[in-house]
């Protein structure tokens, strides 16, 4: 799933050991990212063409 951080939040990406970039990233749909969605830290969106 493709997610972007909400309102410029710094959201850790535990798999990569960095923060989710502002432009978003394709991540594995697992309990960690589903919790981030439910907490309002990230928003799921369609990946932009060319990314």
N, C-alpha and C. Protein backbone atom coordinates (compact mmCIF):
# COMPACT_ATOMS: atom_id res chain seq x y z
N UNK A 1 0.85 -1.17 0.00
CA UNK A 1 0.00 0.00 0.00
C UNK A 1 0.89 1.23 0.00
N UNK A 2 0.42 2.31 -0.56
CA UNK A 2 1.19 3.54 -0.66
C UNK A 2 0.65 4.52 0.38
N UNK A 3 1.53 5.00 1.27
CA UNK A 3 1.12 5.91 2.33
C UNK A 3 1.97 7.17 2.33
N UNK A 4 1.36 8.26 2.79
CA UNK A 4 2.07 9.52 2.97
C UNK A 4 1.84 10.00 4.40
N UNK A 5 2.81 10.71 4.98
CA UNK A 5 2.60 11.23 6.34
C UNK A 5 1.59 12.37 6.32
N UNK A 6 0.82 12.50 7.38
CA UNK A 6 -0.20 13.54 7.51
C UNK A 6 0.41 14.76 8.19
N UNK A 7 0.12 15.95 7.65
CA UNK A 7 0.53 17.21 8.27
C UNK A 7 2.01 17.29 8.61
N UNK A 8 2.86 16.77 7.73
CA UNK A 8 4.30 16.87 7.95
C UNK A 8 4.83 16.06 9.12
N UNK A 9 4.08 15.08 9.57
CA UNK A 9 4.52 14.26 10.71
C UNK A 9 5.74 13.44 10.34
N UNK A 10 6.59 13.20 11.31
CA UNK A 10 7.74 12.31 11.16
C UNK A 10 7.29 10.93 11.60
N UNK A 11 7.13 10.04 10.64
CA UNK A 11 6.65 8.69 10.93
C UNK A 11 7.78 7.70 10.67
N UNK A 12 8.26 7.01 11.70
CA UNK A 12 9.34 6.04 11.51
C UNK A 12 8.90 4.88 10.62
N UNK A 13 9.83 4.43 9.77
CA UNK A 13 9.63 3.23 8.97
C UNK A 13 10.57 2.18 9.54
N UNK A 14 10.06 1.29 10.38
CA UNK A 14 10.94 0.34 11.07
C UNK A 14 11.67 -0.62 10.13
N UNK A 15 11.10 -0.91 9.00
CA UNK A 15 11.75 -1.84 8.07
C UNK A 15 12.99 -1.22 7.43
N UNK A 16 12.92 0.08 7.14
CA UNK A 16 14.05 0.76 6.50
C UNK A 16 14.95 1.49 7.48
N UNK A 17 14.46 1.71 8.70
CA UNK A 17 15.28 2.39 9.69
C UNK A 17 15.39 3.89 9.47
N UNK A 18 14.41 4.47 8.76
CA UNK A 18 14.39 5.92 8.55
C UNK A 18 12.97 6.41 8.73
N UNK A 19 12.71 7.64 8.30
CA UNK A 19 11.36 8.19 8.38
C UNK A 19 10.69 8.11 7.02
N UNK A 20 9.38 7.98 7.03
CA UNK A 20 8.58 8.00 5.81
C UNK A 20 8.77 9.35 5.14
N UNK A 21 9.19 9.38 3.86
CA UNK A 21 9.39 10.67 3.19
C UNK A 21 8.06 11.40 2.96
N UNK A 22 8.13 12.73 2.85
CA UNK A 22 6.92 13.54 2.64
C UNK A 22 6.16 13.13 1.39
N UNK A 23 6.88 12.68 0.36
CA UNK A 23 6.22 12.26 -0.88
C UNK A 23 5.59 10.88 -0.76
N UNK A 24 5.84 10.19 0.37
CA UNK A 24 5.24 8.89 0.60
C UNK A 24 6.11 7.74 0.14
N UNK A 25 5.60 6.54 0.38
CA UNK A 25 6.37 5.34 0.04
C UNK A 25 5.41 4.15 0.01
N UNK A 26 5.76 3.19 -0.81
CA UNK A 26 5.04 1.93 -0.84
C UNK A 26 5.53 1.08 0.32
N UNK A 27 4.62 0.65 1.18
CA UNK A 27 4.99 -0.14 2.36
C UNK A 27 4.16 -1.41 2.40
N UNK A 28 4.67 -2.38 3.17
CA UNK A 28 3.95 -3.63 3.36
C UNK A 28 2.70 -3.39 4.21
N UNK A 29 1.60 -3.98 3.82
CA UNK A 29 0.36 -3.82 4.59
C UNK A 29 0.42 -4.77 5.78
N UNK A 30 0.84 -4.23 6.92
CA UNK A 30 0.97 -5.03 8.13
C UNK A 30 0.38 -4.28 9.32
N UNK A 31 0.45 -4.88 10.50
CA UNK A 31 -0.18 -4.28 11.67
C UNK A 31 0.42 -2.92 12.02
N UNK A 32 1.72 -2.74 11.80
CA UNK A 32 2.35 -1.45 12.11
C UNK A 32 1.72 -0.33 11.28
N UNK A 33 1.64 -0.51 9.96
CA UNK A 33 1.11 0.55 9.09
C UNK A 33 -0.40 0.69 9.23
N UNK A 34 -1.10 -0.38 9.52
CA UNK A 34 -2.54 -0.27 9.77
C UNK A 34 -2.82 0.54 11.03
N UNK A 35 -1.96 0.38 12.05
CA UNK A 35 -2.10 1.20 13.26
C UNK A 35 -1.81 2.67 12.95
N UNK A 36 -0.80 2.94 12.13
CA UNK A 36 -0.49 4.32 11.76
C UNK A 36 -1.68 4.95 11.03
N UNK A 37 -2.36 4.17 10.18
CA UNK A 37 -3.56 4.66 9.49
C UNK A 37 -4.67 4.96 10.49
N UNK A 38 -4.92 4.03 11.40
CA UNK A 38 -6.00 4.21 12.38
C UNK A 38 -5.72 5.37 13.33
N UNK A 39 -4.44 5.62 13.63
CA UNK A 39 -4.06 6.72 14.53
C UNK A 39 -4.04 8.06 13.81
N UNK A 40 -4.15 8.06 12.47
CA UNK A 40 -4.15 9.31 11.72
C UNK A 40 -2.76 9.86 11.44
N UNK A 41 -1.72 9.03 11.58
CA UNK A 41 -0.36 9.48 11.31
C UNK A 41 -0.03 9.47 9.82
N UNK A 42 -0.67 8.58 9.07
CA UNK A 42 -0.46 8.48 7.63
C UNK A 42 -1.81 8.38 6.93
N UNK A 43 -1.76 8.61 5.62
CA UNK A 43 -2.96 8.50 4.79
C UNK A 43 -2.61 7.59 3.62
N UNK A 44 -3.48 6.63 3.32
CA UNK A 44 -3.27 5.76 2.17
C UNK A 44 -3.75 6.49 0.93
N UNK A 45 -2.96 6.40 -0.14
CA UNK A 45 -3.30 7.09 -1.37
C UNK A 45 -2.79 6.27 -2.56
N UNK A 46 -3.19 6.67 -3.74
CA UNK A 46 -2.69 6.03 -4.95
C UNK A 46 -1.27 6.53 -5.20
N UNK A 47 -0.42 5.63 -5.65
CA UNK A 47 0.94 6.05 -5.97
C UNK A 47 0.91 6.91 -7.21
N UNK A 48 1.67 8.01 -7.18
CA UNK A 48 1.72 8.91 -8.33
C UNK A 48 2.45 8.23 -9.48
N UNK A 49 2.02 8.52 -10.70
CA UNK A 49 2.68 7.96 -11.87
C UNK A 49 4.11 8.48 -11.93
N UNK A 50 5.02 7.57 -12.29
CA UNK A 50 6.42 7.94 -12.40
C UNK A 50 7.20 7.77 -11.12
N UNK A 51 6.54 7.43 -10.02
CA UNK A 51 7.24 7.22 -8.75
C UNK A 51 7.64 5.77 -8.59
